[in-house]
């Protein structure tokens, strides 16, 4: 049903039924077929609706998983940033210590130059 072959077969069947039977029989057959086709169409719609609902639930689960992964990535980035900041602070303290030592040496050199 729903294909070109189905359309051709139904057309041939209805032409023969129209030519070789009375009109009452033909209208009854067409009406019954319409009823069955509407039932089949509704069943197909219900099936597709259930399938789409299942897909939607899967998509929601995937979206939740992606959000959790994104939160994990943000936490990792924050931890890396914290580690980087700690490294920078340690480097700055080391440089401050060196600067203090250099300042002491500069002061000593100036004192020696003033005495000479």
C-alpha atoms as a PDB file:
ATOM      1  CA  UNK A   1       0.000   0.000   0.000  1.00  0.00           C
ATOM      2  CA  UNK A   2       1.173   3.507  -0.716  1.00  0.00           C
ATOM      3  CA  UNK A   3       3.283   2.482  -3.703  1.00  0.00           C
ATOM      4  CA  UNK A   4       2.870   3.006  -7.434  1.00  0.00           C
ATOM      5  CA  UNK A   5       2.275  -0.728  -7.952  1.00  0.00           C
ATOM      6  CA  UNK A   6      -0.495  -0.657  -5.347  1.00  0.00           C
ATOM      7  CA  UNK A   7      -2.097   2.297  -7.124  1.00  0.00           C
ATOM      8  CA  UNK A   8      -2.001   0.510 -10.506  1.00  0.00           C
ATOM      9  CA  UNK A   9      -3.443  -2.731  -9.074  1.00  0.00           C
ATOM     10  CA  UNK A  10      -6.255  -0.907  -7.284  1.00  0.00           C
ATOM     11  CA  UNK A  11      -7.071   1.067 -10.426  1.00  0.00           C
ATOM     12  CA  UNK A  12      -7.270  -2.121 -12.494  1.00  0.00           C
ATOM     13  CA  UNK A  13      -9.384  -3.797  -9.805  1.00  0.00           C
ATOM     14  CA  UNK A  14     -11.820  -0.876  -9.624  1.00  0.00           C
ATOM     15  CA  UNK A  15     -12.118  -0.627 -13.411  1.00  0.00           C
ATOM     16  CA  UNK A  16     -12.982  -4.329 -13.664  1.00  0.00           C
ATOM     17  CA  UNK A  17     -15.371  -4.073 -10.704  1.00  0.00           C
ATOM     18  CA  UNK A  18     -17.050  -1.069 -12.287  1.00  0.00           C
ATOM     19  CA  UNK A  19     -17.384  -2.778 -15.688  1.00  0.00           C
ATOM     20  CA  UNK A  20     -18.513  -6.214 -14.520  1.00  0.00           C
ATOM     21  CA  UNK A  21     -20.488  -5.626 -11.322  1.00  0.00           C
ATOM     22  CA  UNK A  22     -23.263  -3.377 -10.202  1.00  0.00           C
ATOM     23  CA  UNK A  23     -22.609   0.051  -8.756  1.00  0.00           C
ATOM     24  CA  UNK A  24     -23.788  -0.906  -5.243  1.00  0.00           C
ATOM     25  CA  UNK A  25     -21.125  -3.617  -4.954  1.00  0.00           C
ATOM     26  CA  UNK A  26     -18.417  -1.232  -6.183  1.00  0.00           C
ATOM     27  CA  UNK A  27     -19.327   1.515  -3.678  1.00  0.00           C
ATOM     28  CA  UNK A  28     -19.414  -1.058  -0.869  1.00  0.00           C
ATOM     29  CA  UNK A  29     -15.959  -2.377  -1.779  1.00  0.00           C
ATOM     30  CA  UNK A  30     -14.531   1.152  -2.049  1.00  0.00           C
ATOM     31  CA  UNK A  31     -16.068   2.125   1.304  1.00  0.00           C
ATOM     32  CA  UNK A  32     -14.708  -0.967   3.050  1.00  0.00           C
ATOM     33  CA  UNK A  33     -11.267  -0.402   1.592  1.00  0.00           C
ATOM     34  CA  UNK A  34     -11.343   3.233   2.716  1.00  0.00           C
ATOM     35  CA  UNK A  35     -12.217   2.135   6.249  1.00  0.00           C
ATOM     36  CA  UNK A  36      -9.384  -0.389   6.358  1.00  0.00           C
ATOM     37  CA  UNK A  37      -6.936   2.075   4.858  1.00  0.00           C
ATOM     38  CA  UNK A  38      -7.861   4.701   7.448  1.00  0.00           C
ATOM     39  CA  UNK A  39      -7.317   2.124  10.223  1.00  0.00           C
ATOM     40  CA  UNK A  40      -3.928   1.155   8.752  1.00  0.00           C
ATOM     41  CA  UNK A  41      -2.959   4.814   8.396  1.00  0.00           C
ATOM     42  CA  UNK A  42      -3.917   5.485  12.035  1.00  0.00           C
ATOM     43  CA  UNK A  43      -1.915   2.443  13.163  1.00  0.00           C
ATOM     44  CA  UNK A  44       1.069   3.735  11.192  1.00  0.00           C
ATOM     45  CA  UNK A  45       0.708   7.194  12.734  1.00  0.00           C
ATOM     46  CA  UNK A  46       0.546   5.683  16.241  1.00  0.00           C
ATOM     47  CA  UNK A  47       3.625   3.542  15.541  1.00  0.00           C
ATOM     48  CA  UNK A  48       5.567   6.531  14.249  1.00  0.00           C
ATOM     49  CA  UNK A  49       4.433   8.592  17.245  1.00  0.00           C
ATOM     50  CA  UNK A  50       5.747   5.944  19.665  1.00  0.00           C
ATOM     51  CA  UNK A  51       8.975   5.725  17.698  1.00  0.00           C
ATOM     52  CA  UNK A  52       9.413   9.520  17.771  1.00  0.00           C
ATOM     53  CA  UNK A  53       8.674   9.591  21.495  1.00  0.00           C
ATOM     54  CA  UNK A  54      11.345   6.953  22.062  1.00  0.00           C
ATOM     55  CA  UNK A  55      13.807   8.956  19.967  1.00  0.00           C
ATOM     56  CA  UNK A  56      12.926  12.115  21.897  1.00  0.00           C
ATOM     57  CA  UNK A  57      13.613  10.334  25.206  1.00  0.00           C
ATOM     58  CA  UNK A  58      16.948   9.127  23.855  1.00  0.00           C
ATOM     59  CA  UNK A  59      17.795  12.667  22.739  1.00  0.00           C
ATOM     60  CA  UNK A  60      16.948  14.014  26.213  1.00  0.00           C
ATOM     61  CA  UNK A  61      19.232  11.415  27.812  1.00  0.00           C
ATOM     62  CA  UNK A  62      22.009  12.296  25.378  1.00  0.00           C
ATOM     63  CA  UNK A  63      21.532  15.995  26.105  1.00  0.00           C
ATOM     64  CA  UNK A  64      21.780  15.327  29.846  1.00  0.00           C
ATOM     65  CA  UNK A  65      24.962  13.313  29.272  1.00  0.00           C
ATOM     66  CA  UNK A  66      26.430  16.142  27.190  1.00  0.00           C
ATOM     67  CA  UNK A  67      25.611  18.656  29.926  1.00  0.00           C
ATOM     68  CA  UNK A  68      27.319  16.446  32.520  1.00  0.00           C
ATOM     69  CA  UNK A  69      30.382  16.102  30.293  1.00  0.00           C
ATOM     70  CA  UNK A  70      30.450  19.864  29.785  1.00  0.00           C
ATOM     71  CA  UNK A  71      30.346  20.401  33.556  1.00  0.00           C
ATOM     72  CA  UNK A  72      33.206  17.917  33.988  1.00  0.00           C
ATOM     73  CA  UNK A  73      35.257  19.715  31.349  1.00  0.00           C
ATOM     74  CA  UNK A  74      34.636  23.051  33.065  1.00  0.00           C
ATOM     75  CA  UNK A  75      35.757  21.574  36.403  1.00  0.00           C
ATOM     76  CA  UNK A  76      38.921  20.199  34.791  1.00  0.00           C
ATOM     77  CA  UNK A  77      39.640  23.583  33.219  1.00  0.00           C
ATOM     78  CA  UNK A  78      39.164  25.287  36.575  1.00  0.00           C
ATOM     79  CA  UNK A  79      41.542  22.810  38.229  1.00  0.00           C
ATOM     80  CA  UNK A  80      44.111  23.401  35.486  1.00  0.00           C
ATOM     81  CA  UNK A  81      43.706  27.149  35.876  1.00  0.00           C
ATOM     82  CA  UNK A  82      44.166  26.808  39.653  1.00  0.00           C
ATOM     83  CA  UNK A  83      47.350  24.797  39.097  1.00  0.00           C
ATOM     84  CA  UNK A  84      48.601  27.377  36.596  1.00  0.00           C
ATOM     85  CA  UNK A  85      47.878  30.181  39.061  1.00  0.00           C
ATOM     86  CA  UNK A  86      49.770  28.293  41.796  1.00  0.00           C
ATOM     87  CA  UNK A  87      52.746  27.861  39.455  1.00  0.00           C
ATOM     88  CA  UNK A  88      52.689  31.550  38.555  1.00  0.00           C
ATOM     89  CA  UNK A  89      52.479  32.540  42.234  1.00  0.00           C
ATOM     90  CA  UNK A  90      55.418  30.264  43.075  1.00  0.00           C
ATOM     91  CA  UNK A  91      57.444  31.768  40.227  1.00  0.00           C
ATOM     92  CA  UNK A  92      56.590  35.280  41.389  1.00  0.00           C
ATOM     93  CA  UNK A  93      57.650  34.487  44.972  1.00  0.00           C
ATOM     94  CA  UNK A  94      60.886  33.047  43.680  1.00  0.00           C
ATOM     95  CA  UNK A  95      61.475  36.172  41.580  1.00  0.00           C
ATOM     96  CA  UNK A  96      60.675  38.387  44.564  1.00  0.00           C
ATOM     97  CA  UNK A  97      63.242  36.496  46.607  1.00  0.00           C
ATOM     98  CA  UNK A  98      65.817  37.000  43.846  1.00  0.00           C
ATOM     99  CA  UNK A  99      64.966  40.692  43.616  1.00  0.00           C
ATOM    100  CA  UNK A 100      65.379  41.106  47.372  1.00  0.00           C
ATOM    101  CA  UNK A 101      68.776  39.373  47.154  1.00  0.00           C
ATOM    102  CA  UNK A 102      69.782  41.581  44.201  1.00  0.00           C
ATOM    103  CA  UNK A 103      68.688  44.705  46.083  1.00  0.00           C
ATOM    104  CA  UNK A 104      70.853  43.683  49.024  1.00  0.00           C
ATOM    105  CA  UNK A 105      73.803  43.123  46.703  1.00  0.00           C
ATOM    106  CA  UNK A 106      73.221  46.500  45.007  1.00  0.00           C
ATOM    107  CA  UNK A 107      73.113  48.226  48.401  1.00  0.00           C
ATOM    108  CA  UNK A 108      76.363  46.519  49.433  1.00  0.00           C
ATOM    109  CA  UNK A 109      78.061  47.506  46.165  1.00  0.00           C
ATOM    110  CA  UNK A 110      76.957  51.132  46.612  1.00  0.00           C
ATOM    111  CA  UNK A 111      78.271  51.129  50.159  1.00  0.00           C
ATOM    112  CA  UNK A 112      81.638  49.815  48.945  1.00  0.00           C
ATOM    113  CA  UNK A 113      81.758  52.476  46.212  1.00  0.00           C
ATOM    114  CA  UNK A 114      80.978  55.258  48.702  1.00  0.00           C
ATOM    115  CA  UNK A 115      83.787  54.078  51.031  1.00  0.00           C
ATOM    116  CA  UNK A 116      86.286  53.984  48.225  1.00  0.00           C
END
